[in-house]
């Protein structure tokens, strides 16, 4: 496939921007071998793709750290263990970290990079669809606490994002579908043309057609880079990327980050947000029906798995809540969005019915 290169324009100068390269190989910047380089990954990723990474890049890492798989490992304990490991292996302020894996690895590596010796460079090499279209771009990093997801973190942009679409050939069907949920989020809330394309090409997308995938990934990265360039630290516009996440994060927390993958929880949250949109903004129910049908095609969950009273109990601890209201991203029409502040206490059952 032909390499696609995008630029994420952070700040006012080219020096503060970084490239996203989409290819069927690992495309890292030249001269990378001149720095002490530390890879943070997971055992299965290293086994499947470690040799190809080294062959394509010529990289000779100083050391490699394998962390556990799953959101439960995105913790302060893992964070501290990696910091100690870096010191034990001679890392310094000019060292480079490489996040080689999915969103958990990327979030963790980015947060370590943001804080180790007050900040060092890191590269994102996302290996899941969800991380390729969403979490590897934009500089959100962090770890989970018992009481909530991503409650401790920092904004720290990567210096390079290398997307190898071949890594999706070994991604299991459940995690692949979870990535599709984030793709659908971009279309339904931000780009009606993209949503129509997803509906039209859903069979090719489900079959992982490489040309369709590379174009979809490019489209999602363009949307996100455009938003991040205007609002790096989520002081306003960037919060639109949270469509489906308010209820989604509650689903994840309720299941102790084990019952639902992030994308699965977001799928549930998008349907809930669409139904809220019908009640509050007049969204055409036909749009919600198309959303549910598309999610169902990819075997993603669309119904709330937990009682309303649990949602109402957890909603006030969401990062998007204030003392008096909870902010939702809602959709008046496909491809359009609005921020809506709903007063607390919140009772979801008053707005939607399952």
C-alpha atoms as a PDB file:
ATOM      1  CA  UNK A   1       0.000   0.000   0.000  1.00  0.00           C
ATOM      2  CA  UNK A   2       1.052   3.613  -0.484  1.00  0.00           C
ATOM      3  CA  UNK A   3       2.316   5.337   2.642  1.00  0.00           C
ATOM      4  CA  UNK A   4       0.028   8.083   3.968  1.00  0.00           C
ATOM      5  CA  UNK A   5       1.566  10.904   6.014  1.00  0.00           C
ATOM      6  CA  UNK A   6      -0.436  13.433   8.017  1.00  0.00           C
ATOM      7  CA  UNK A   7       0.804  16.239  10.216  1.00  0.00           C
ATOM      8  CA  UNK A   8      -0.690  17.054  13.613  1.00  0.00           C
ATOM      9  CA  UNK A   9      -0.200  20.833  14.027  1.00  0.00           C
ATOM     10  CA  UNK A  10       0.194  21.427  17.760  1.00  0.00           C
ATOM     11  CA  UNK A  11       1.135  24.995  18.644  1.00  0.00           C
ATOM     12  CA  UNK A  12       2.243  27.750  16.318  1.00  0.00           C
ATOM     13  CA  UNK A  13       5.420  26.262  14.836  1.00  0.00           C
ATOM     14  CA  UNK A  14       6.428  23.201  12.841  1.00  0.00           C
ATOM     15  CA  UNK A  15       8.736  22.213  15.704  1.00  0.00           C
ATOM     16  CA  UNK A  16       5.733  21.498  17.899  1.00  0.00           C
ATOM     17  CA  UNK A  17       3.895  19.395  15.314  1.00  0.00           C
ATOM     18  CA  UNK A  18       4.427  15.706  14.597  1.00  0.00           C
ATOM     19  CA  UNK A  19       3.721  13.248  11.788  1.00  0.00           C
ATOM     20  CA  UNK A  20       1.341  10.303  11.597  1.00  0.00           C
ATOM     21  CA  UNK A  21       2.532   7.706   9.093  1.00  0.00           C
ATOM     22  CA  UNK A  22       0.124   5.025   7.899  1.00  0.00           C
ATOM     23  CA  UNK A  23       1.721   2.103   6.047  1.00  0.00           C
ATOM     24  CA  UNK A  24       1.965  -1.688   5.985  1.00  0.00           C
ATOM     25  CA  UNK A  25       5.344  -1.574   7.750  1.00  0.00           C
ATOM     26  CA  UNK A  26       6.856   0.181  10.752  1.00  0.00           C
ATOM     27  CA  UNK A  27       8.032   3.647   9.626  1.00  0.00           C
ATOM     28  CA  UNK A  28      10.089   5.325  12.341  1.00  0.00           C
ATOM     29  CA  UNK A  29      12.069   8.573  12.058  1.00  0.00           C
ATOM     30  CA  UNK A  30      15.657   8.475  10.815  1.00  0.00           C
ATOM     31  CA  UNK A  31      18.409   8.757  13.395  1.00  0.00           C
ATOM     32  CA  UNK A  32      16.371   7.038  16.087  1.00  0.00           C
ATOM     33  CA  UNK A  33      19.269   4.713  16.936  1.00  0.00           C
ATOM     34  CA  UNK A  34      21.418   7.578  18.210  1.00  0.00           C
ATOM     35  CA  UNK A  35      19.435   7.811  21.466  1.00  0.00           C
ATOM     36  CA  UNK A  36      18.912   5.429  24.345  1.00  0.00           C
ATOM     37  CA  UNK A  37      15.584   3.887  23.380  1.00  0.00           C
ATOM     38  CA  UNK A  38      13.216   1.965  25.649  1.00  0.00           C
ATOM     39  CA  UNK A  39      10.274  -0.068  24.366  1.00  0.00           C
ATOM     40  CA  UNK A  40       7.180  -0.562  26.521  1.00  0.00           C
ATOM     41  CA  UNK A  41       4.920  -3.303  25.201  1.00  0.00           C
ATOM     42  CA  UNK A  42       3.085  -6.522  26.080  1.00  0.00           C
ATOM     43  CA  UNK A  43       4.269 -10.131  25.645  1.00  0.00           C
ATOM     44  CA  UNK A  44       1.906 -11.050  22.798  1.00  0.00           C
ATOM     45  CA  UNK A  45       2.693  -7.916  20.773  1.00  0.00           C
ATOM     46  CA  UNK A  46       6.404  -8.505  21.205  1.00  0.00           C
ATOM     47  CA  UNK A  47       6.032 -12.132  20.105  1.00  0.00           C
ATOM     48  CA  UNK A  48       3.925 -11.324  17.041  1.00  0.00           C
ATOM     49  CA  UNK A  49       5.528  -8.118  15.800  1.00  0.00           C
ATOM     50  CA  UNK A  50       8.765  -7.497  17.692  1.00  0.00           C
ATOM     51  CA  UNK A  51      11.078  -8.926  15.032  1.00  0.00           C
ATOM     52  CA  UNK A  52       9.370  -6.984  12.231  1.00  0.00           C
ATOM     53  CA  UNK A  53       9.685  -3.749  14.203  1.00  0.00           C
ATOM     54  CA  UNK A  54      13.415  -4.230  14.610  1.00  0.00           C
ATOM     55  CA  UNK A  55      13.870  -5.313  10.972  1.00  0.00           C
ATOM     56  CA  UNK A  56      11.915  -2.409   9.482  1.00  0.00           C
ATOM     57  CA  UNK A  57      13.438   0.267  11.708  1.00  0.00           C
ATOM     58  CA  UNK A  58      16.947  -1.033  12.356  1.00  0.00           C
ATOM     59  CA  UNK A  59      16.241  -0.232  15.981  1.00  0.00           C
ATOM     60  CA  UNK A  60      18.430  -1.679  18.736  1.00  0.00           C
ATOM     61  CA  UNK A  61      16.579  -0.834  21.955  1.00  0.00           C
ATOM     62  CA  UNK A  62      18.447  -0.312  25.188  1.00  0.00           C
ATOM     63  CA  UNK A  63      15.819  -2.372  27.042  1.00  0.00           C
ATOM     64  CA  UNK A  64      12.258  -3.643  26.666  1.00  0.00           C
ATOM     65  CA  UNK A  65       9.538  -3.728  29.342  1.00  0.00           C
ATOM     66  CA  UNK A  66       6.495  -6.014  29.050  1.00  0.00           C
ATOM     67  CA  UNK A  67       3.475  -4.879  31.058  1.00  0.00           C
ATOM     68  CA  UNK A  68       0.251  -6.775  31.704  1.00  0.00           C
ATOM     69  CA  UNK A  69      -2.711  -6.758  29.337  1.00  0.00           C
ATOM     70  CA  UNK A  70      -5.990  -5.036  30.247  1.00  0.00           C
ATOM     71  CA  UNK A  71      -7.197  -1.821  31.865  1.00  0.00           C
ATOM     72  CA  UNK A  72      -6.490  -3.181  35.347  1.00  0.00           C
ATOM     73  CA  UNK A  73      -2.762  -2.896  34.548  1.00  0.00           C
ATOM     74  CA  UNK A  74      -3.058   0.793  33.660  1.00  0.00           C
ATOM     75  CA  UNK A  75      -2.400   1.589  37.297  1.00  0.00           C
ATOM     76  CA  UNK A  76      -0.154   3.648  39.546  1.00  0.00           C
ATOM     77  CA  UNK A  77       1.633   0.439  40.536  1.00  0.00           C
ATOM     78  CA  UNK A  78       2.615  -0.281  36.926  1.00  0.00           C
ATOM     79  CA  UNK A  79       3.518   3.372  36.430  1.00  0.00           C
ATOM     80  CA  UNK A  80       5.915   3.283  39.403  1.00  0.00           C
ATOM     81  CA  UNK A  81       7.410  -0.047  38.303  1.00  0.00           C
ATOM     82  CA  UNK A  82       8.259   1.337  34.847  1.00  0.00           C
ATOM     83  CA  UNK A  83       9.819   4.472  36.321  1.00  0.00           C
ATOM     84  CA  UNK A  84      12.069   2.331  38.527  1.00  0.00           C
ATOM     85  CA  UNK A  85      12.902   0.077  35.546  1.00  0.00           C
ATOM     86  CA  UNK A  86      13.981   3.096  33.491  1.00  0.00           C
ATOM     87  CA  UNK A  87      16.352   4.233  36.239  1.00  0.00           C
ATOM     88  CA  UNK A  88      17.747   0.723  36.630  1.00  0.00           C
ATOM     89  CA  UNK A  89      18.472   0.625  32.885  1.00  0.00           C
ATOM     90  CA  UNK A  90      20.233   3.962  32.630  1.00  0.00           C
ATOM     91  CA  UNK A  91      17.512   6.175  31.139  1.00  0.00           C
ATOM     92  CA  UNK A  92      18.114   9.917  31.200  1.00  0.00           C
ATOM     93  CA  UNK A  93      16.466  13.136  30.024  1.00  0.00           C
ATOM     94  CA  UNK A  94      17.527  12.605  26.406  1.00  0.00           C
ATOM     95  CA  UNK A  95      16.172   9.044  26.268  1.00  0.00           C
ATOM     96  CA  UNK A  96      13.274   8.028  24.024  1.00  0.00           C
ATOM     97  CA  UNK A  97      10.319   5.802  24.946  1.00  0.00           C
ATOM     98  CA  UNK A  98       8.368   3.746  22.409  1.00  0.00           C
ATOM     99  CA  UNK A  99       4.788   2.713  23.115  1.00  0.00           C
ATOM    100  CA  UNK A 100       4.394  -0.534  21.160  1.00  0.00           C
ATOM    101  CA  UNK A 101       0.853  -1.828  21.649  1.00  0.00           C
ATOM    102  CA  UNK A 102      -2.754  -0.763  22.095  1.00  0.00           C
ATOM    103  CA  UNK A 103      -4.352   2.025  24.075  1.00  0.00           C
ATOM    104  CA  UNK A 104      -3.346   0.728  27.507  1.00  0.00           C
ATOM    105  CA  UNK A 105       0.327   0.645  26.499  1.00  0.00           C
ATOM    106  CA  UNK A 106       0.082   4.019  24.781  1.00  0.00           C
ATOM    107  CA  UNK A 107      -1.612   5.760  27.711  1.00  0.00           C
ATOM    108  CA  UNK A 108       0.857   4.292  30.189  1.00  0.00           C
ATOM    109  CA  UNK A 109       3.971   5.028  28.132  1.00  0.00           C
ATOM    110  CA  UNK A 110       2.820   8.565  27.454  1.00  0.00           C
ATOM    111  CA  UNK A 111       2.238   9.252  31.142  1.00  0.00           C
ATOM    112  CA  UNK A 112       5.632   7.821  32.046  1.00  0.00           C
ATOM    113  CA  UNK A 113       7.213   9.982  29.332  1.00  0.00           C
ATOM    114  CA  UNK A 114       5.369  13.068  30.591  1.00  0.00           C
ATOM    115  CA  UNK A 115       6.707  12.648  34.115  1.00  0.00           C
ATOM    116  CA  UNK A 116      10.055  10.812  33.994  1.00  0.00           C
ATOM    117  CA  UNK A 117      12.693  13.436  34.866  1.00  0.00           C
ATOM    118  CA  UNK A 118       9.918  16.009  34.224  1.00  0.00           C
ATOM    119  CA  UNK A 119       9.337  14.917  30.647  1.00  0.00           C
ATOM    120  CA  UNK A 120      11.022  13.000  27.831  1.00  0.00           C
ATOM    121  CA  UNK A 121      10.111  12.177  24.216  1.00  0.00           C
ATOM    122  CA  UNK A 122       8.046   9.208  23.167  1.00  0.00           C
ATOM    123  CA  UNK A 123       6.806   7.571  19.966  1.00  0.00           C
ATOM    124  CA  UNK A 124       3.448   5.867  19.496  1.00  0.00           C
ATOM    125  CA  UNK A 125       3.343   2.585  17.535  1.00  0.00           C
ATOM    126  CA  UNK A 126      -0.335   1.620  17.957  1.00  0.00           C
ATOM    127  CA  UNK A 127      -1.197  -1.991  17.143  1.00  0.00           C
ATOM    128  CA  UNK A 128      -4.994  -2.019  17.647  1.00  0.00           C
ATOM    129  CA  UNK A 129      -7.626  -0.288  15.543  1.00  0.00           C
ATOM    130  CA  UNK A 130      -8.872   1.702  18.535  1.00  0.00           C
ATOM    131  CA  UNK A 131      -5.417   3.062  19.282  1.00  0.00           C
ATOM    132  CA  UNK A 132      -4.695   3.758  15.604  1.00  0.00           C
ATOM    133  CA  UNK A 133      -7.795   5.883  15.058  1.00  0.00           C
ATOM    134  CA  UNK A 134      -8.020   7.484  18.486  1.00  0.00           C
ATOM    135  CA  UNK A 135      -5.822   7.084  21.537  1.00  0.00           C
ATOM    136  CA  UNK A 136      -2.381   7.314  19.861  1.00  0.00           C
ATOM    137  CA  UNK A 137      -3.132  10.799  18.523  1.00  0.00           C
ATOM    138  CA  UNK A 138      -3.593  13.874  20.666  1.00  0.00           C
ATOM    139  CA  UNK A 139      -1.356  13.459  23.702  1.00  0.00           C
ATOM    140  CA  UNK A 140      -3.845  12.315  26.330  1.00  0.00           C
ATOM    141  CA  UNK A 141      -1.985  10.068  28.753  1.00  0.00           C
ATOM    142  CA  UNK A 142      -2.896   8.606  32.115  1.00  0.00           C
ATOM    143  CA  UNK A 143      -3.725   5.782  34.476  1.00  0.00           C
ATOM    144  CA  UNK A 144      -6.824   4.555  36.261  1.00  0.00           C
ATOM    145  CA  UNK A 145      -7.766   4.784  39.917  1.00  0.00           C
ATOM    146  CA  UNK A 146     -10.139   2.458  41.737  1.00  0.00           C
ATOM    147  CA  UNK A 147     -12.815   5.148  41.598  1.00  0.00           C
ATOM    148  CA  UNK A 148     -12.489   6.075  37.937  1.00  0.00           C
ATOM    149  CA  UNK A 149     -10.749   5.763  34.597  1.00  0.00           C
ATOM    150  CA  UNK A 150      -7.923   8.101  33.531  1.00  0.00           C
ATOM    151  CA  UNK A 151      -8.224  10.126  36.728  1.00  0.00           C
ATOM    152  CA  UNK A 152      -4.450  10.712  36.914  1.00  0.00           C
ATOM    153  CA  UNK A 153      -2.624  11.831  33.802  1.00  0.00           C
ATOM    154  CA  UNK A 154      -1.114  14.577  31.702  1.00  0.00           C
ATOM    155  CA  UNK A 155      -1.245  16.048  28.209  1.00  0.00           C
ATOM    156  CA  UNK A 156       2.009  15.028  26.533  1.00  0.00           C
ATOM    157  CA  UNK A 157       2.219  14.806  22.753  1.00  0.00           C
ATOM    158  CA  UNK A 158       4.227  12.066  20.998  1.00  0.00           C
ATOM    159  CA  UNK A 159       6.971  13.114  18.607  1.00  0.00           C
ATOM    160  CA  UNK A 160       5.873  10.571  15.994  1.00  0.00           C
ATOM    161  CA  UNK A 161       2.998   8.139  15.359  1.00  0.00           C
ATOM    162  CA  UNK A 162       3.758   5.060  13.225  1.00  0.00           C
ATOM    163  CA  UNK A 163       0.651   3.104  12.184  1.00  0.00           C
ATOM    164  CA  UNK A 164       1.299  -0.286  10.591  1.00  0.00           C
ATOM    165  CA  UNK A 165      -2.062  -1.570   9.344  1.00  0.00           C
ATOM    166  CA  UNK A 166      -0.659  -5.116   9.077  1.00  0.00           C
ATOM    167  CA  UNK A 167      -0.845  -5.406  12.866  1.00  0.00           C
ATOM    168  CA  UNK A 168      -4.631  -5.518  12.509  1.00  0.00           C
ATOM    169  CA  UNK A 169      -4.375  -8.926  10.801  1.00  0.00           C
ATOM    170  CA  UNK A 170      -3.561 -10.542  14.145  1.00  0.00           C
ATOM    171  CA  UNK A 171      -6.035  -8.538  16.211  1.00  0.00           C
ATOM    172  CA  UNK A 172      -8.838 -10.714  17.607  1.00  0.00           C
ATOM    173  CA  UNK A 173     -12.360 -10.019  16.380  1.00  0.00           C
ATOM    174  CA  UNK A 174     -13.595  -8.597  19.678  1.00  0.00           C
ATOM    175  CA  UNK A 175     -10.841  -5.993  19.924  1.00  0.00           C
ATOM    176  CA  UNK A 176     -11.196  -5.177  16.239  1.00  0.00           C
ATOM    177  CA  UNK A 177     -14.915  -4.489  16.728  1.00  0.00           C
ATOM    178  CA  UNK A 178     -14.089  -2.331  19.762  1.00  0.00           C
ATOM    179  CA  UNK A 179     -11.964  -0.166  17.476  1.00  0.00           C
ATOM    180  CA  UNK A 180     -14.802   0.064  14.984  1.00  0.00           C
ATOM    181  CA  UNK A 181     -16.927   1.615  17.745  1.00  0.00           C
ATOM    182  CA  UNK A 182     -14.538   4.573  17.940  1.00  0.00           C
ATOM    183  CA  UNK A 183     -14.613   4.879  14.143  1.00  0.00           C
ATOM    184  CA  UNK A 184     -18.416   5.002  14.244  1.00  0.00           C
ATOM    185  CA  UNK A 185     -18.175   7.683  16.937  1.00  0.00           C
ATOM    186  CA  UNK A 186     -16.325   9.994  14.550  1.00  0.00           C
ATOM    187  CA  UNK A 187     -18.909   9.489  11.824  1.00  0.00           C
ATOM    188  CA  UNK A 188     -22.103   9.678  13.850  1.00  0.00           C
ATOM    189  CA  UNK A 189     -21.153  12.747  15.902  1.00  0.00           C
ATOM    190  CA  UNK A 190     -18.743  14.627  13.633  1.00  0.00           C
ATOM    191  CA  UNK A 191     -18.889  13.597   9.963  1.00  0.00           C
ATOM    192  CA  UNK A 192     -22.125  12.467   8.299  1.00  0.00           C
ATOM    193  CA  UNK A 193     -20.280  11.570   5.091  1.00  0.00           C
ATOM    194  CA  UNK A 194     -17.988   9.232   7.038  1.00  0.00           C
ATOM    195  CA  UNK A 195     -20.988   7.650   8.749  1.00  0.00           C
ATOM    196  CA  UNK A 196     -22.624   7.023   5.367  1.00  0.00           C
ATOM    197  CA  UNK A 197     -19.366   5.490   4.113  1.00  0.00           C
ATOM    198  CA  UNK A 198     -19.234   3.160   7.114  1.00  0.00           C
ATOM    199  CA  UNK A 199     -22.807   2.020   6.485  1.00  0.00           C
ATOM    200  CA  UNK A 200     -22.080   1.492   2.800  1.00  0.00           C
ATOM    201  CA  UNK A 201     -18.718  -0.262   3.196  1.00  0.00           C
ATOM    202  CA  UNK A 202     -19.411  -2.145   6.405  1.00  0.00           C
ATOM    203  CA  UNK A 203     -18.862  -5.570   4.801  1.00  0.00           C
ATOM    204  CA  UNK A 204     -15.411  -4.593   3.474  1.00  0.00           C
ATOM    205  CA  UNK A 205     -14.569  -3.029   6.809  1.00  0.00           C
ATOM    206  CA  UNK A 206     -15.617  -6.150   8.673  1.00  0.00           C
ATOM    207  CA  UNK A 207     -13.459  -8.218   6.289  1.00  0.00           C
ATOM    208  CA  UNK A 208     -10.507  -5.897   7.110  1.00  0.00           C
ATOM    209  CA  UNK A 209      -9.944  -4.836   3.518  1.00  0.00           C
ATOM    210  CA  UNK A 210      -6.527  -3.083   3.745  1.00  0.00           C
ATOM    211  CA  UNK A 211      -7.335  -0.257   1.327  1.00  0.00           C
ATOM    212  CA  UNK A 212     -10.652   0.522   3.022  1.00  0.00           C
ATOM    213  CA  UNK A 213      -9.012   0.348   6.432  1.00  0.00           C
ATOM    214  CA  UNK A 214      -6.138   2.671   5.566  1.00  0.00           C
ATOM    215  CA  UNK A 215      -8.563   5.277   4.197  1.00  0.00           C
ATOM    216  CA  UNK A 216     -10.840   5.021   7.241  1.00  0.00           C
ATOM    217  CA  UNK A 217      -7.856   5.351   9.596  1.00  0.00           C
ATOM    218  CA  UNK A 218      -6.634   8.378   7.616  1.00  0.00           C
ATOM    219  CA  UNK A 219     -10.072   9.995   7.805  1.00  0.00           C
ATOM    220  CA  UNK A 220     -10.360   9.481  11.584  1.00  0.00           C
ATOM    221  CA  UNK A 221      -6.834  10.775  12.220  1.00  0.00           C
ATOM    222  CA  UNK A 222      -7.594  13.866  10.126  1.00  0.00           C
ATOM    223  CA  UNK A 223     -10.698  14.601  12.198  1.00  0.00           C
ATOM    224  CA  UNK A 224      -8.900  14.120  15.483  1.00  0.00           C
ATOM    225  CA  UNK A 225      -5.781  16.086  14.501  1.00  0.00           C
ATOM    226  CA  UNK A 226      -7.982  18.986  13.357  1.00  0.00           C
ATOM    227  CA  UNK A 227      -9.765  19.038  16.713  1.00  0.00           C
ATOM    228  CA  UNK A 228      -6.612  18.591  18.822  1.00  0.00           C
ATOM    229  CA  UNK A 229      -4.786  21.357  16.949  1.00  0.00           C
ATOM    230  CA  UNK A 230      -7.509  23.782  18.047  1.00  0.00           C
ATOM    231  CA  UNK A 231      -7.893  22.540  21.616  1.00  0.00           C
ATOM    232  CA  UNK A 232      -4.928  20.528  22.843  1.00  0.00           C
ATOM    233  CA  UNK A 233      -5.934  20.428  26.530  1.00  0.00           C
ATOM    234  CA  UNK A 234      -9.681  19.916  26.201  1.00  0.00           C
ATOM    235  CA  UNK A 235     -10.742  23.345  27.385  1.00  0.00           C
ATOM    236  CA  UNK A 236     -13.665  23.311  24.943  1.00  0.00           C
ATOM    237  CA  UNK A 237     -13.944  21.821  21.451  1.00  0.00           C
ATOM    238  CA  UNK A 238     -11.940  18.658  22.129  1.00  0.00           C
ATOM    239  CA  UNK A 239     -14.604  17.370  24.497  1.00  0.00           C
ATOM    240  CA  UNK A 240     -16.667  16.445  21.417  1.00  0.00           C
ATOM    241  CA  UNK A 241     -14.451  13.349  21.205  1.00  0.00           C
ATOM    242  CA  UNK A 242     -16.196  12.162  24.375  1.00  0.00           C
ATOM    243  CA  UNK A 243     -19.398  11.295  22.513  1.00  0.00           C
ATOM    244  CA  UNK A 244     -20.596   8.035  24.056  1.00  0.00           C
ATOM    245  CA  UNK A 245     -17.930   8.115  26.745  1.00  0.00           C
ATOM    246  CA  UNK A 246     -19.924   9.533  29.665  1.00  0.00           C
ATOM    247  CA  UNK A 247     -22.097   6.445  30.041  1.00  0.00           C
ATOM    248  CA  UNK A 248     -19.349   4.287  28.514  1.00  0.00           C
ATOM    249  CA  UNK A 249     -16.908   5.009  31.322  1.00  0.00           C
ATOM    250  CA  UNK A 250     -19.560   4.067  33.875  1.00  0.00           C
ATOM    251  CA  UNK A 251     -20.113   0.731  32.102  1.00  0.00           C
ATOM    252  CA  UNK A 252     -16.357   0.063  32.233  1.00  0.00           C
ATOM    253  CA  UNK A 253     -16.082   1.013  35.899  1.00  0.00           C
ATOM    254  CA  UNK A 254     -19.158  -1.041  36.850  1.00  0.00           C
ATOM    255  CA  UNK A 255     -17.584  -4.076  35.179  1.00  0.00           C
ATOM    256  CA  UNK A 256     -14.257  -3.437  36.954  1.00  0.00           C
ATOM    257  CA  UNK A 257     -12.658  -2.825  33.538  1.00  0.00           C
ATOM    258  CA  UNK A 258     -13.022  -6.530  32.734  1.00  0.00           C
ATOM    259  CA  UNK A 259     -16.577  -7.138  31.532  1.00  0.00           C
ATOM    260  CA  UNK A 260     -16.475  -4.670  28.626  1.00  0.00           C
ATOM    261  CA  UNK A 261     -13.690  -3.441  26.368  1.00  0.00           C
ATOM    262  CA  UNK A 262     -13.478   0.326  26.017  1.00  0.00           C
ATOM    263  CA  UNK A 263     -15.031   0.328  22.545  1.00  0.00           C
ATOM    264  CA  UNK A 264     -17.850  -1.940  23.677  1.00  0.00           C
ATOM    265  CA  UNK A 265     -18.654   0.435  26.522  1.00  0.00           C
ATOM    266  CA  UNK A 266     -18.524   3.404  24.139  1.00  0.00           C
ATOM    267  CA  UNK A 267     -20.969   1.618  21.802  1.00  0.00           C
ATOM    268  CA  UNK A 268     -23.447   1.333  24.675  1.00  0.00           C
ATOM    269  CA  UNK A 269     -22.806   4.948  25.623  1.00  0.00           C
ATOM    270  CA  UNK A 270     -23.381   6.166  22.055  1.00  0.00           C
ATOM    271  CA  UNK A 271     -26.804   4.534  21.892  1.00  0.00           C
ATOM    272  CA  UNK A 272     -27.730   6.061  25.251  1.00  0.00           C
ATOM    273  CA  UNK A 273     -26.496   9.471  24.052  1.00  0.00           C
ATOM    274  CA  UNK A 274     -28.452   9.117  20.802  1.00  0.00           C
ATOM    275  CA  UNK A 275     -31.642   8.437  22.755  1.00  0.00           C
ATOM    276  CA  UNK A 276     -30.918  11.403  24.991  1.00  0.00           C
ATOM    277  CA  UNK A 277     -30.460  13.403  21.786  1.00  0.00           C
ATOM    278  CA  UNK A 278     -33.896  12.367  20.572  1.00  0.00           C
ATOM    279  CA  UNK A 279     -35.477  13.678  23.777  1.00  0.00           C
ATOM    280  CA  UNK A 280     -33.443  16.855  24.199  1.00  0.00           C
ATOM    281  CA  UNK A 281     -32.414  17.928  20.681  1.00  0.00           C
ATOM    282  CA  UNK A 282     -34.971  16.283  18.407  1.00  0.00           C
ATOM    283  CA  UNK A 283     -32.638  13.758  16.742  1.00  0.00           C
ATOM    284  CA  UNK A 284     -34.551  11.734  14.163  1.00  0.00           C
ATOM    285  CA  UNK A 285     -35.161   8.226  15.601  1.00  0.00           C
ATOM    286  CA  UNK A 286     -34.198   6.862  12.174  1.00  0.00           C
ATOM    287  CA  UNK A 287     -30.638   8.080  12.840  1.00  0.00           C
ATOM    288  CA  UNK A 288     -30.572   6.162  16.104  1.00  0.00           C
ATOM    289  CA  UNK A 289     -31.897   3.093  14.302  1.00  0.00           C
ATOM    290  CA  UNK A 290     -29.063   3.311  11.732  1.00  0.00           C
ATOM    291  CA  UNK A 291     -26.519   3.680  14.545  1.00  0.00           C
ATOM    292  CA  UNK A 292     -27.858   0.632  16.382  1.00  0.00           C
ATOM    293  CA  UNK A 293     -27.965  -1.386  13.152  1.00  0.00           C
ATOM    294  CA  UNK A 294     -24.351  -0.532  12.302  1.00  0.00           C
ATOM    295  CA  UNK A 295     -23.104  -1.344  15.801  1.00  0.00           C
ATOM    296  CA  UNK A 296     -25.054  -4.600  15.764  1.00  0.00           C
ATOM    297  CA  UNK A 297     -23.496  -5.545  12.400  1.00  0.00           C
ATOM    298  CA  UNK A 298     -20.104  -5.497  14.120  1.00  0.00           C
ATOM    299  CA  UNK A 299     -21.462  -7.498  17.084  1.00  0.00           C
ATOM    300  CA  UNK A 300     -21.125  -4.557  19.445  1.00  0.00           C
ATOM    301  CA  UNK A 301     -23.437  -4.241  22.472  1.00  0.00           C
ATOM    302  CA  UNK A 302     -26.193  -1.639  22.285  1.00  0.00           C
ATOM    303  CA  UNK A 303     -28.165  -2.142  25.530  1.00  0.00           C
ATOM    304  CA  UNK A 304     -27.334  -0.998  29.040  1.00  0.00           C
ATOM    305  CA  UNK A 305     -26.037  -3.963  31.091  1.00  0.00           C
ATOM    306  CA  UNK A 306     -26.461  -2.266  34.463  1.00  0.00           C
ATOM    307  CA  UNK A 307     -29.382  -0.759  36.397  1.00  0.00           C
ATOM    308  CA  UNK A 308     -30.297   2.893  35.996  1.00  0.00           C
ATOM    309  CA  UNK A 309     -29.711   3.568  39.686  1.00  0.00           C
ATOM    310  CA  UNK A 310     -26.040   2.564  39.351  1.00  0.00           C
ATOM    311  CA  UNK A 311     -25.590   4.951  36.413  1.00  0.00           C
ATOM    312  CA  UNK A 312     -27.271   7.746  38.355  1.00  0.00           C
ATOM    313  CA  UNK A 313     -25.039   7.020  41.350  1.00  0.00           C
ATOM    314  CA  UNK A 314     -21.780   7.096  39.355  1.00  0.00           C
ATOM    315  CA  UNK A 315     -22.539  10.004  37.031  1.00  0.00           C
ATOM    316  CA  UNK A 316     -21.521  12.731  39.461  1.00  0.00           C
ATOM    317  CA  UNK A 317     -17.935  11.448  39.687  1.00  0.00           C
ATOM    318  CA  UNK A 318     -17.373  11.785  35.930  1.00  0.00           C
ATOM    319  CA  UNK A 319     -14.593  14.220  34.982  1.00  0.00           C
ATOM    320  CA  UNK A 320     -17.092  16.175  32.888  1.00  0.00           C
ATOM    321  CA  UNK A 321     -19.370  16.904  35.851  1.00  0.00           C
ATOM    322  CA  UNK A 322     -19.532  20.038  37.987  1.00  0.00           C
ATOM    323  CA  UNK A 323     -21.206  20.492  41.347  1.00  0.00           C
ATOM    324  CA  UNK A 324     -24.519  21.136  39.619  1.00  0.00           C
ATOM    325  CA  UNK A 325     -24.519  19.499  36.167  1.00  0.00           C
ATOM    326  CA  UNK A 326     -23.121  16.751  33.935  1.00  0.00           C
ATOM    327  CA  UNK A 327     -22.042  17.650  30.394  1.00  0.00           C
ATOM    328  CA  UNK A 328     -23.040  15.337  27.551  1.00  0.00           C
ATOM    329  CA  UNK A 329     -22.041  15.441  23.896  1.00  0.00           C
ATOM    330  CA  UNK A 330     -25.348  15.051  22.059  1.00  0.00           C
ATOM    331  CA  UNK A 331     -26.278  14.899  18.387  1.00  0.00           C
ATOM    332  CA  UNK A 332     -29.132  16.947  16.866  1.00  0.00           C
ATOM    333  CA  UNK A 333     -28.470  15.293  13.484  1.00  0.00           C
ATOM    334  CA  UNK A 334     -25.942  12.812  12.132  1.00  0.00           C
ATOM    335  CA  UNK A 335     -22.538  14.490  11.853  1.00  0.00           C
ATOM    336  CA  UNK A 336     -23.525  17.392  14.114  1.00  0.00           C
ATOM    337  CA  UNK A 337     -23.001  17.807  17.832  1.00  0.00           C
ATOM    338  CA  UNK A 338     -23.787  20.044  20.796  1.00  0.00           C
ATOM    339  CA  UNK A 339     -22.681  20.212  24.421  1.00  0.00           C
ATOM    340  CA  UNK A 340     -25.663  19.863  26.735  1.00  0.00           C
ATOM    341  CA  UNK A 341     -25.428  20.395  30.496  1.00  0.00           C
ATOM    342  CA  UNK A 342     -28.011  18.298  32.342  1.00  0.00           C
ATOM    343  CA  UNK A 343     -28.642  19.319  35.980  1.00  0.00           C
ATOM    344  CA  UNK A 344     -27.657  17.012  38.824  1.00  0.00           C
ATOM    345  CA  UNK A 345     -29.025  14.877  40.340  1.00  0.00           C
ATOM    346  CA  UNK A 346     -29.316  12.996  37.061  1.00  0.00           C
ATOM    347  CA  UNK A 347     -31.848  10.242  36.364  1.00  0.00           C
ATOM    348  CA  UNK A 348     -31.178   8.571  33.011  1.00  0.00           C
ATOM    349  CA  UNK A 349     -34.448   6.651  33.042  1.00  0.00           C
ATOM    350  CA  UNK A 350     -36.308   9.934  32.782  1.00  0.00           C
ATOM    351  CA  UNK A 351     -34.816  10.456  29.327  1.00  0.00           C
ATOM    352  CA  UNK A 352     -34.545   7.001  27.780  1.00  0.00           C
ATOM    353  CA  UNK A 353     -36.171   3.608  28.104  1.00  0.00           C
ATOM    354  CA  UNK A 354     -34.499   0.322  27.329  1.00  0.00           C
END
